[in-house]
Each structure stands twice: as C-alpha cells, then as structure tokens.
C-alpha cells in the first residue's frame, strides 16, 4: 500500500523564523507532536516536542528568543508518496525517528506518516486476521 494512502495530509507547518514558543502553541492547538519547517512548499526541517524539551529547555534557551531554525533537525529524512509501507518503516528505523514527512515527485510536502499511524494500521490488520482465525476455529 502506498504511503500516500496512509499519510495525514493536514501537516502542521511553520517557517524557520517562528519562535519555539509559537511552535509549542501550534503543537498544542493541533494536538500533534511535531511541526514541519518549510521553505515555500519544501520541507527543510522538523521540530518535535522532544526537541523543545531537550534542545530548548535542556539547554536553557529562552523559548521567546529561540527560533525554529535554532532547534530544528535539518538533516530531514523524507519519503516519497509512492513508497510503500515497508520503505517508510525502514527509513524510520535507519534514522531513529517516529515522524516522516511525505513528499511528491517535485519534493513538495504533501503529508506526514508517524510511527503511531503505522502501529494503528498493523493493529487493524491483526484484528482482521484474528477475525479469520476465530471464524475458522472449531468450538470446544
């Protein structure tokens, strides 16, 4: 199944100049754990709730003065929208990440897939498999 069928399209984005205080508010308002930092439609970084805790609070930065550019992960791993489920999980594993921006052929951001999304998909598949097993199980 292509990632484009699984990815969320309502990605929370911001520019490099947004303060980390604004990013935290955006995450809270949208109930998400990350903001993809974009330059136009191109993803150039990501800031996660963990980044706010470790890079801002842990380093004693002032959340009102620090910007997304100061704390974002710039070496951004992305996945093509036509990639499969397994390619996305491999990228997450290789890079030790839980959130993977999804891009179209032109490199523009078109979605995001998270480890939680993939786990939910696997749980649904296990439930369907369980239904098949239960339907074929003899009564005792």
N, C-alpha and C. Protein backbone atom coordinates (compact mmCIF):
# COMPACT_ATOMS: atom_id res chain seq x y z
N UNK A 1 0.85 -1.18 0.00
CA UNK A 1 0.00 0.00 0.00
C UNK A 1 0.90 1.25 0.00
N UNK A 2 0.67 2.16 -0.94
CA UNK A 2 1.50 3.38 -0.97
C UNK A 2 1.26 4.26 0.25
N UNK A 3 2.32 4.91 0.68
CA UNK A 3 2.25 5.80 1.85
C UNK A 3 1.22 6.90 1.64
N UNK A 4 1.03 7.36 0.39
CA UNK A 4 0.06 8.43 0.15
C UNK A 4 -1.34 8.04 0.62
N UNK A 5 -1.64 6.74 0.69
CA UNK A 5 -2.94 6.28 1.17
C UNK A 5 -3.02 6.24 2.69
N UNK A 6 -1.87 6.30 3.36
CA UNK A 6 -1.82 6.21 4.81
C UNK A 6 -1.49 7.54 5.48
N UNK A 7 -0.78 8.40 4.77
CA UNK A 7 -0.27 9.64 5.37
C UNK A 7 -1.38 10.63 5.67
N UNK A 8 -1.15 11.39 6.71
CA UNK A 8 -2.05 12.50 7.04
C UNK A 8 -1.67 13.68 6.16
N UNK A 9 -2.66 14.36 5.63
CA UNK A 9 -2.38 15.49 4.75
C UNK A 9 -2.46 16.83 5.47
N UNK A 10 -2.98 16.83 6.68
CA UNK A 10 -3.13 18.07 7.45
C UNK A 10 -1.87 18.32 8.30
N UNK A 11 -0.75 18.52 7.62
CA UNK A 11 0.54 18.69 8.28
C UNK A 11 0.63 20.09 8.87
N UNK A 12 1.08 20.18 10.11
CA UNK A 12 1.31 21.48 10.74
C UNK A 12 2.69 21.95 10.30
N UNK A 13 2.74 23.14 9.70
CA UNK A 13 3.99 23.66 9.18
C UNK A 13 4.25 25.07 9.71
N UNK A 14 5.50 25.47 9.62
CA UNK A 14 5.91 26.82 10.03
C UNK A 14 7.19 27.16 9.28
N UNK A 15 7.56 28.43 9.33
CA UNK A 15 8.80 28.88 8.73
C UNK A 15 9.94 28.84 9.73
N UNK A 16 11.15 29.01 9.23
CA UNK A 16 12.35 28.97 10.08
C UNK A 16 12.36 30.06 11.14
N UNK A 17 11.65 31.16 10.86
CA UNK A 17 11.70 32.31 11.77
C UNK A 17 10.67 32.26 12.90
N UNK A 18 9.81 31.26 12.91
CA UNK A 18 8.84 31.13 14.01
C UNK A 18 9.57 30.85 15.32
N UNK A 19 9.12 31.47 16.40
CA UNK A 19 9.73 31.21 17.70
C UNK A 19 9.32 29.82 18.17
N UNK A 20 10.15 29.24 19.02
CA UNK A 20 9.80 27.92 19.54
C UNK A 20 8.57 28.00 20.43
N UNK A 21 8.32 29.14 21.01
CA UNK A 21 7.10 29.33 21.79
C UNK A 21 5.88 29.21 20.86
N UNK A 22 5.97 29.80 19.67
CA UNK A 22 4.88 29.67 18.69
C UNK A 22 4.72 28.22 18.25
N UNK A 23 5.84 27.53 18.04
CA UNK A 23 5.79 26.13 17.63
C UNK A 23 5.10 25.28 18.69
N UNK A 24 5.45 25.51 19.95
CA UNK A 24 4.82 24.75 21.04
C UNK A 24 3.32 25.01 21.07
N UNK A 25 2.92 26.25 20.87
CA UNK A 25 1.48 26.57 20.84
C UNK A 25 0.78 25.90 19.67
N UNK A 26 1.45 25.87 18.52
CA UNK A 26 0.88 25.22 17.34
C UNK A 26 0.68 23.73 17.60
N UNK A 27 1.67 23.10 18.22
CA UNK A 27 1.57 21.67 18.53
C UNK A 27 0.41 21.42 19.49
N UNK A 28 0.30 22.27 20.50
CA UNK A 28 -0.76 22.12 21.49
C UNK A 28 -2.13 22.32 20.85
N UNK A 29 -2.27 23.37 20.07
CA UNK A 29 -3.56 23.67 19.43
C UNK A 29 -3.99 22.58 18.46
N UNK A 30 -3.02 21.98 17.76
CA UNK A 30 -3.33 20.96 16.75
C UNK A 30 -3.24 19.53 17.28
N UNK A 31 -2.84 19.38 18.55
CA UNK A 31 -2.71 18.06 19.17
C UNK A 31 -1.76 17.16 18.40
N UNK A 32 -0.60 17.71 18.03
CA UNK A 32 0.43 16.95 17.33
C UNK A 32 1.75 17.07 18.07
N UNK A 33 2.70 16.24 17.72
CA UNK A 33 4.00 16.24 18.39
C UNK A 33 5.12 16.80 17.55
N UNK A 34 4.78 17.40 16.39
CA UNK A 34 5.83 17.96 15.56
C UNK A 34 5.28 19.04 14.63
N UNK A 35 6.20 19.90 14.19
CA UNK A 35 5.91 20.90 13.18
C UNK A 35 6.97 20.75 12.10
N UNK A 36 6.54 20.59 10.86
CA UNK A 36 7.48 20.51 9.75
C UNK A 36 7.83 21.94 9.35
N UNK A 37 9.12 22.21 9.27
CA UNK A 37 9.59 23.54 8.90
C UNK A 37 9.78 23.56 7.39
N UNK A 38 9.15 24.55 6.74
CA UNK A 38 9.17 24.60 5.29
C UNK A 38 9.75 25.90 4.77
N UNK A 39 10.25 25.82 3.56
CA UNK A 39 10.66 26.99 2.79
C UNK A 39 9.82 26.92 1.53
N UNK A 40 8.76 27.71 1.46
CA UNK A 40 7.76 27.54 0.41
C UNK A 40 7.01 26.25 0.69
N UNK A 41 6.98 25.35 -0.28
CA UNK A 41 6.33 24.05 -0.10
C UNK A 41 7.32 22.93 0.20
N UNK A 42 8.60 23.26 0.30
CA UNK A 42 9.65 22.26 0.50
C UNK A 42 9.95 22.10 1.99
N UNK A 43 9.93 20.89 2.51
CA UNK A 43 10.33 20.68 3.91
C UNK A 43 11.84 20.83 4.06
N UNK A 44 12.25 21.62 5.05
CA UNK A 44 13.68 21.85 5.28
C UNK A 44 14.11 21.43 6.69
N UNK A 45 13.15 21.07 7.52
CA UNK A 45 13.47 20.65 8.87
C UNK A 45 12.22 20.21 9.60
N UNK A 46 12.42 19.77 10.83
CA UNK A 46 11.30 19.37 11.68
C UNK A 46 11.66 19.70 13.12
N UNK A 47 10.66 20.13 13.88
CA UNK A 47 10.82 20.36 15.31
C UNK A 47 9.78 19.49 16.00
N UNK A 48 10.24 18.67 16.94
CA UNK A 48 9.35 17.79 17.68
C UNK A 48 9.20 18.28 19.11
N UNK A 49 8.21 17.73 19.79
CA UNK A 49 8.02 18.07 21.20
C UNK A 49 9.26 17.69 22.01
N UNK A 50 9.92 16.63 21.61
CA UNK A 50 11.16 16.22 22.29
C UNK A 50 12.27 17.25 22.06
N UNK A 51 12.33 17.79 20.85
CA UNK A 51 13.32 18.83 20.56
C UNK A 51 13.12 20.03 21.48
N UNK A 52 11.86 20.39 21.71
CA UNK A 52 11.57 21.52 22.59
C UNK A 52 12.07 21.24 24.01
N UNK A 53 11.88 20.01 24.45
CA UNK A 53 12.31 19.65 25.80
C UNK A 53 13.83 19.59 25.92
N UNK A 54 14.47 18.94 24.97
CA UNK A 54 15.91 18.71 25.10
C UNK A 54 16.76 19.87 24.58
N UNK A 55 16.40 20.41 23.44
CA UNK A 55 17.23 21.45 22.83
C UNK A 55 16.94 22.85 23.38
N UNK A 56 15.71 23.07 23.81
CA UNK A 56 15.37 24.40 24.33
C UNK A 56 15.49 24.40 25.85
N UNK A 57 14.63 23.66 26.52
CA UNK A 57 14.64 23.65 27.99
C UNK A 57 15.93 23.06 28.53
N UNK A 58 16.36 21.95 27.93
CA UNK A 58 17.57 21.28 28.41
C UNK A 58 18.82 22.13 28.26
N UNK A 59 18.84 23.02 27.29
CA UNK A 59 20.00 23.89 27.07
C UNK A 59 19.80 25.29 27.62
N UNK A 60 18.69 25.50 28.33
CA UNK A 60 18.45 26.79 28.96
C UNK A 60 18.15 27.92 27.99
N UNK A 61 17.65 27.59 26.81
CA UNK A 61 17.32 28.63 25.83
C UNK A 61 16.03 29.34 26.23
N UNK A 62 15.89 30.58 25.84
CA UNK A 62 14.68 31.35 26.07
C UNK A 62 13.71 31.02 24.94
N UNK A 63 12.56 30.38 25.24
CA UNK A 63 11.60 29.99 24.19
C UNK A 63 11.06 31.16 23.38
N UNK A 64 11.11 32.35 23.94
CA UNK A 64 10.65 33.53 23.20
C UNK A 64 11.67 34.04 22.21
N UNK A 65 12.93 33.73 22.46
CA UNK A 65 14.01 34.22 21.58
C UNK A 65 14.46 33.18 20.56
N UNK A 66 14.40 31.91 20.92
CA UNK A 66 14.86 30.84 20.02
C UNK A 66 13.86 30.66 18.88
N UNK A 67 14.39 30.38 17.70
CA UNK A 67 13.54 30.16 16.53
C UNK A 67 13.60 28.70 16.09
N UNK A 68 12.71 28.37 15.19
CA UNK A 68 12.70 27.02 14.63
C UNK A 68 14.06 26.67 14.04
N UNK A 69 14.67 27.62 13.36
CA UNK A 69 15.96 27.38 12.74
C UNK A 69 17.03 27.02 13.77
N UNK A 70 16.90 27.54 14.99
CA UNK A 70 17.87 27.27 16.04
C UNK A 70 17.79 25.83 16.56
N UNK A 71 16.62 25.20 16.48
CA UNK A 71 16.44 23.91 17.13
C UNK A 71 15.97 22.79 16.21
N UNK A 72 15.66 23.11 14.95
CA UNK A 72 15.12 22.09 14.06
C UNK A 72 16.18 21.07 13.65
N UNK A 73 15.71 19.88 13.34
CA UNK A 73 16.54 18.86 12.74
C UNK A 73 16.59 19.18 11.26
N UNK A 74 17.80 19.47 10.77
CA UNK A 74 17.94 19.89 9.37
C UNK A 74 18.19 18.72 8.43
N UNK A 75 18.81 17.68 8.91
CA UNK A 75 19.09 16.51 8.08
C UNK A 75 17.81 15.68 8.02
N UNK A 76 16.85 16.20 7.30
CA UNK A 76 15.49 15.67 7.32
C UNK A 76 15.34 14.45 6.43
N UNK A 77 14.87 13.36 7.02
CA UNK A 77 14.53 12.18 6.23
C UNK A 77 13.09 12.36 5.76
N UNK A 78 12.86 12.11 4.48
CA UNK A 78 11.51 12.17 3.92
C UNK A 78 11.28 10.90 3.12
N UNK A 79 10.02 10.67 2.79
CA UNK A 79 9.67 9.51 1.99
C UNK A 79 8.79 9.98 0.83
N UNK A 80 8.98 9.37 -0.32
CA UNK A 80 8.17 9.68 -1.49
C UNK A 80 6.77 9.13 -1.30
N UNK A 81 5.77 9.87 -1.77
CA UNK A 81 4.39 9.46 -1.57
C UNK A 81 4.06 8.12 -2.22
N UNK A 82 4.83 7.71 -3.22
CA UNK A 82 4.57 6.43 -3.88
C UNK A 82 5.29 5.26 -3.20
N UNK A 83 6.10 5.56 -2.19
CA UNK A 83 6.82 4.50 -1.48
C UNK A 83 5.84 3.62 -0.72
N UNK A 84 6.28 2.44 -0.39
CA UNK A 84 5.44 1.50 0.33
C UNK A 84 5.62 1.59 1.84
N UNK A 85 4.74 0.91 2.53
CA UNK A 85 4.73 0.82 3.99
C UNK A 85 6.10 0.39 4.53
N UNK A 86 6.68 -0.64 3.93
CA UNK A 86 7.95 -1.17 4.44
C UNK A 86 9.10 -0.20 4.24
N UNK A 87 9.10 0.55 3.14
CA UNK A 87 10.16 1.54 2.92
C UNK A 87 10.09 2.62 3.99
N UNK A 88 8.88 3.04 4.34
CA UNK A 88 8.70 4.05 5.39
C UNK A 88 9.20 3.53 6.73
N UNK A 89 8.87 2.29 7.07
CA UNK A 89 9.33 1.75 8.35
C UNK A 89 10.84 1.57 8.37
N UNK A 90 11.43 1.20 7.24
CA UNK A 90 12.88 1.07 7.16
C UNK A 90 13.56 2.42 7.37
N UNK A 91 13.03 3.47 6.75
CA UNK A 91 13.59 4.81 6.92
C UNK A 91 13.50 5.26 8.38
N UNK A 92 12.36 5.00 9.01
CA UNK A 92 12.20 5.37 10.41
C UNK A 92 13.21 4.63 11.28
N UNK A 93 13.40 3.36 11.01
CA UNK A 93 14.34 2.56 11.77
C UNK A 93 15.78 3.02 11.54
N UNK A 94 16.16 3.23 10.29
CA UNK A 94 17.52 3.66 9.95
C UNK A 94 17.88 4.99 10.60
N UNK A 95 16.92 5.91 10.65
CA UNK A 95 17.19 7.26 11.15
C UNK A 95 16.78 7.45 12.62
N UNK A 96 16.18 6.42 13.21
CA UNK A 96 15.76 6.51 14.61
C UNK A 96 14.72 7.60 14.84
N UNK A 97 13.73 7.67 13.94
CA UNK A 97 12.71 8.71 14.02
C UNK A 97 11.31 8.11 14.08
N UNK A 98 10.36 8.91 14.56
CA UNK A 98 8.97 8.48 14.67
C UNK A 98 8.04 9.23 13.72
N UNK A 99 8.56 10.26 13.05
CA UNK A 99 7.74 11.07 12.16
C UNK A 99 8.47 11.24 10.84
N UNK A 100 7.76 11.02 9.74
CA UNK A 100 8.38 11.02 8.43
C UNK A 100 7.55 11.86 7.46
N UNK A 101 8.06 13.05 7.11
CA UNK A 101 7.33 13.85 6.11
C UNK A 101 7.25 13.11 4.77
N UNK A 102 6.14 13.29 4.09
CA UNK A 102 5.89 12.65 2.80
C UNK A 102 5.94 13.73 1.72
N UNK A 103 6.68 13.47 0.65
CA UNK A 103 6.85 14.46 -0.43
C UNK A 103 6.40 13.88 -1.76
N UNK A 104 5.97 14.79 -2.65
CA UNK A 104 5.62 14.38 -4.01
C UNK A 104 6.88 14.32 -4.88
N UNK A 105 6.71 14.04 -6.16
CA UNK A 105 7.86 13.89 -7.05
C UNK A 105 8.69 15.15 -7.16
N UNK A 106 8.08 16.32 -6.94
CA UNK A 106 8.80 17.58 -7.01
C UNK A 106 9.47 17.98 -5.71
N UNK A 107 9.33 17.14 -4.67
CA UNK A 107 9.93 17.43 -3.38
C UNK A 107 9.07 18.30 -2.48
N UNK A 108 7.83 18.58 -2.90
CA UNK A 108 6.93 19.38 -2.07
C UNK A 108 6.27 18.51 -1.01
N UNK A 109 6.09 19.09 0.17
CA UNK A 109 5.46 18.39 1.28
C UNK A 109 3.99 18.11 0.94
N UNK A 110 3.57 16.88 1.11
CA UNK A 110 2.16 16.54 0.84
C UNK A 110 1.54 15.73 1.98
N UNK A 111 2.31 15.42 3.01
CA UNK A 111 1.75 14.66 4.12
C UNK A 111 2.79 14.33 5.16
N UNK A 112 2.37 13.55 6.14
CA UNK A 112 3.28 13.05 7.16
C UNK A 112 2.76 11.71 7.64
N UNK A 113 3.67 10.80 7.91
CA UNK A 113 3.32 9.49 8.45
C UNK A 113 4.10 9.31 9.75
N UNK A 114 3.44 8.78 10.76
CA UNK A 114 4.09 8.63 12.05
C UNK A 114 4.11 7.16 12.46
N UNK A 115 4.96 6.87 13.42
CA UNK A 115 5.01 5.51 13.96
C UNK A 115 3.66 5.11 14.54
N UNK A 116 2.96 6.06 15.15
CA UNK A 116 1.64 5.76 15.68
C UNK A 116 0.66 5.37 14.57
N UNK A 117 0.74 6.07 13.43
CA UNK A 117 -0.12 5.74 12.29
C UNK A 117 0.15 4.32 11.80
N UNK A 118 1.43 3.97 11.71
CA UNK A 118 1.80 2.64 11.24
C UNK A 118 1.39 1.56 12.24
N UNK A 119 1.54 1.84 13.53
CA UNK A 119 1.10 0.88 14.55
C UNK A 119 -0.41 0.68 14.51
N UNK A 120 -1.14 1.75 14.28
CA UNK A 120 -2.60 1.64 14.18
C UNK A 120 -2.99 0.77 12.99
N UNK A 121 -2.30 0.95 11.86
CA UNK A 121 -2.57 0.12 10.69
C UNK A 121 -2.30 -1.35 11.00
N UNK A 122 -1.15 -1.62 11.64
CA UNK A 122 -0.82 -3.00 11.98
C UNK A 122 -1.84 -3.61 12.95
N UNK A 123 -2.31 -2.81 13.91
CA UNK A 123 -3.31 -3.30 14.86
C UNK A 123 -4.61 -3.65 14.14
N UNK A 124 -5.00 -2.82 13.18
CA UNK A 124 -6.21 -3.11 12.39
C UNK A 124 -6.04 -4.41 11.60
N UNK A 125 -4.87 -4.59 11.00
CA UNK A 125 -4.61 -5.80 10.23
C UNK A 125 -4.63 -7.03 11.13
N UNK A 126 -4.05 -6.91 12.33
CA UNK A 126 -4.08 -8.03 13.28
C UNK A 126 -5.51 -8.35 13.70
N UNK A 127 -6.33 -7.34 13.86
CA UNK A 127 -7.73 -7.57 14.24
C UNK A 127 -8.45 -8.34 13.14
N UNK A 128 -8.19 -7.98 11.88
CA UNK A 128 -8.83 -8.70 10.76
C UNK A 128 -8.35 -10.15 10.72
N UNK A 129 -7.07 -10.35 10.94
CA UNK A 129 -6.52 -11.71 10.95
C UNK A 129 -7.12 -12.51 12.11
N UNK A 130 -7.29 -11.88 13.24
CA UNK A 130 -7.89 -12.54 14.39
C UNK A 130 -9.33 -12.97 14.08
N UNK A 131 -10.07 -12.13 13.37
CA UNK A 131 -11.44 -12.48 12.98
C UNK A 131 -11.46 -13.74 12.11
N UNK A 132 -10.51 -13.84 11.19
CA UNK A 132 -10.43 -15.02 10.32
C UNK A 132 -10.12 -16.26 11.15
N UNK A 133 -9.17 -16.14 12.06
CA UNK A 133 -8.79 -17.28 12.90
C UNK A 133 -9.97 -17.72 13.76
N UNK A 134 -10.66 -16.77 14.37
CA UNK A 134 -11.79 -17.10 15.23
C UNK A 134 -12.93 -17.73 14.43
N UNK A 135 -13.14 -17.28 13.21
CA UNK A 135 -14.21 -17.83 12.38
C UNK A 135 -13.92 -19.27 11.97
N UNK A 136 -12.64 -19.63 11.87
CA UNK A 136 -12.28 -20.97 11.44
C UNK A 136 -11.96 -21.92 12.59
N UNK A 137 -11.97 -21.38 13.81
CA UNK A 137 -11.63 -22.20 14.98
C UNK A 137 -12.82 -23.10 15.32
N UNK A 138 -12.56 -24.37 15.56
CA UNK A 138 -13.66 -25.27 15.96
C UNK A 138 -14.10 -24.94 17.40
N UNK A 139 -15.36 -25.19 17.67
CA UNK A 139 -15.87 -24.99 19.02
C UNK A 139 -15.34 -26.10 19.90
N UNK A 140 -15.06 -25.76 21.15
CA UNK A 140 -14.56 -26.76 22.10
C UNK A 140 -15.63 -27.16 23.04
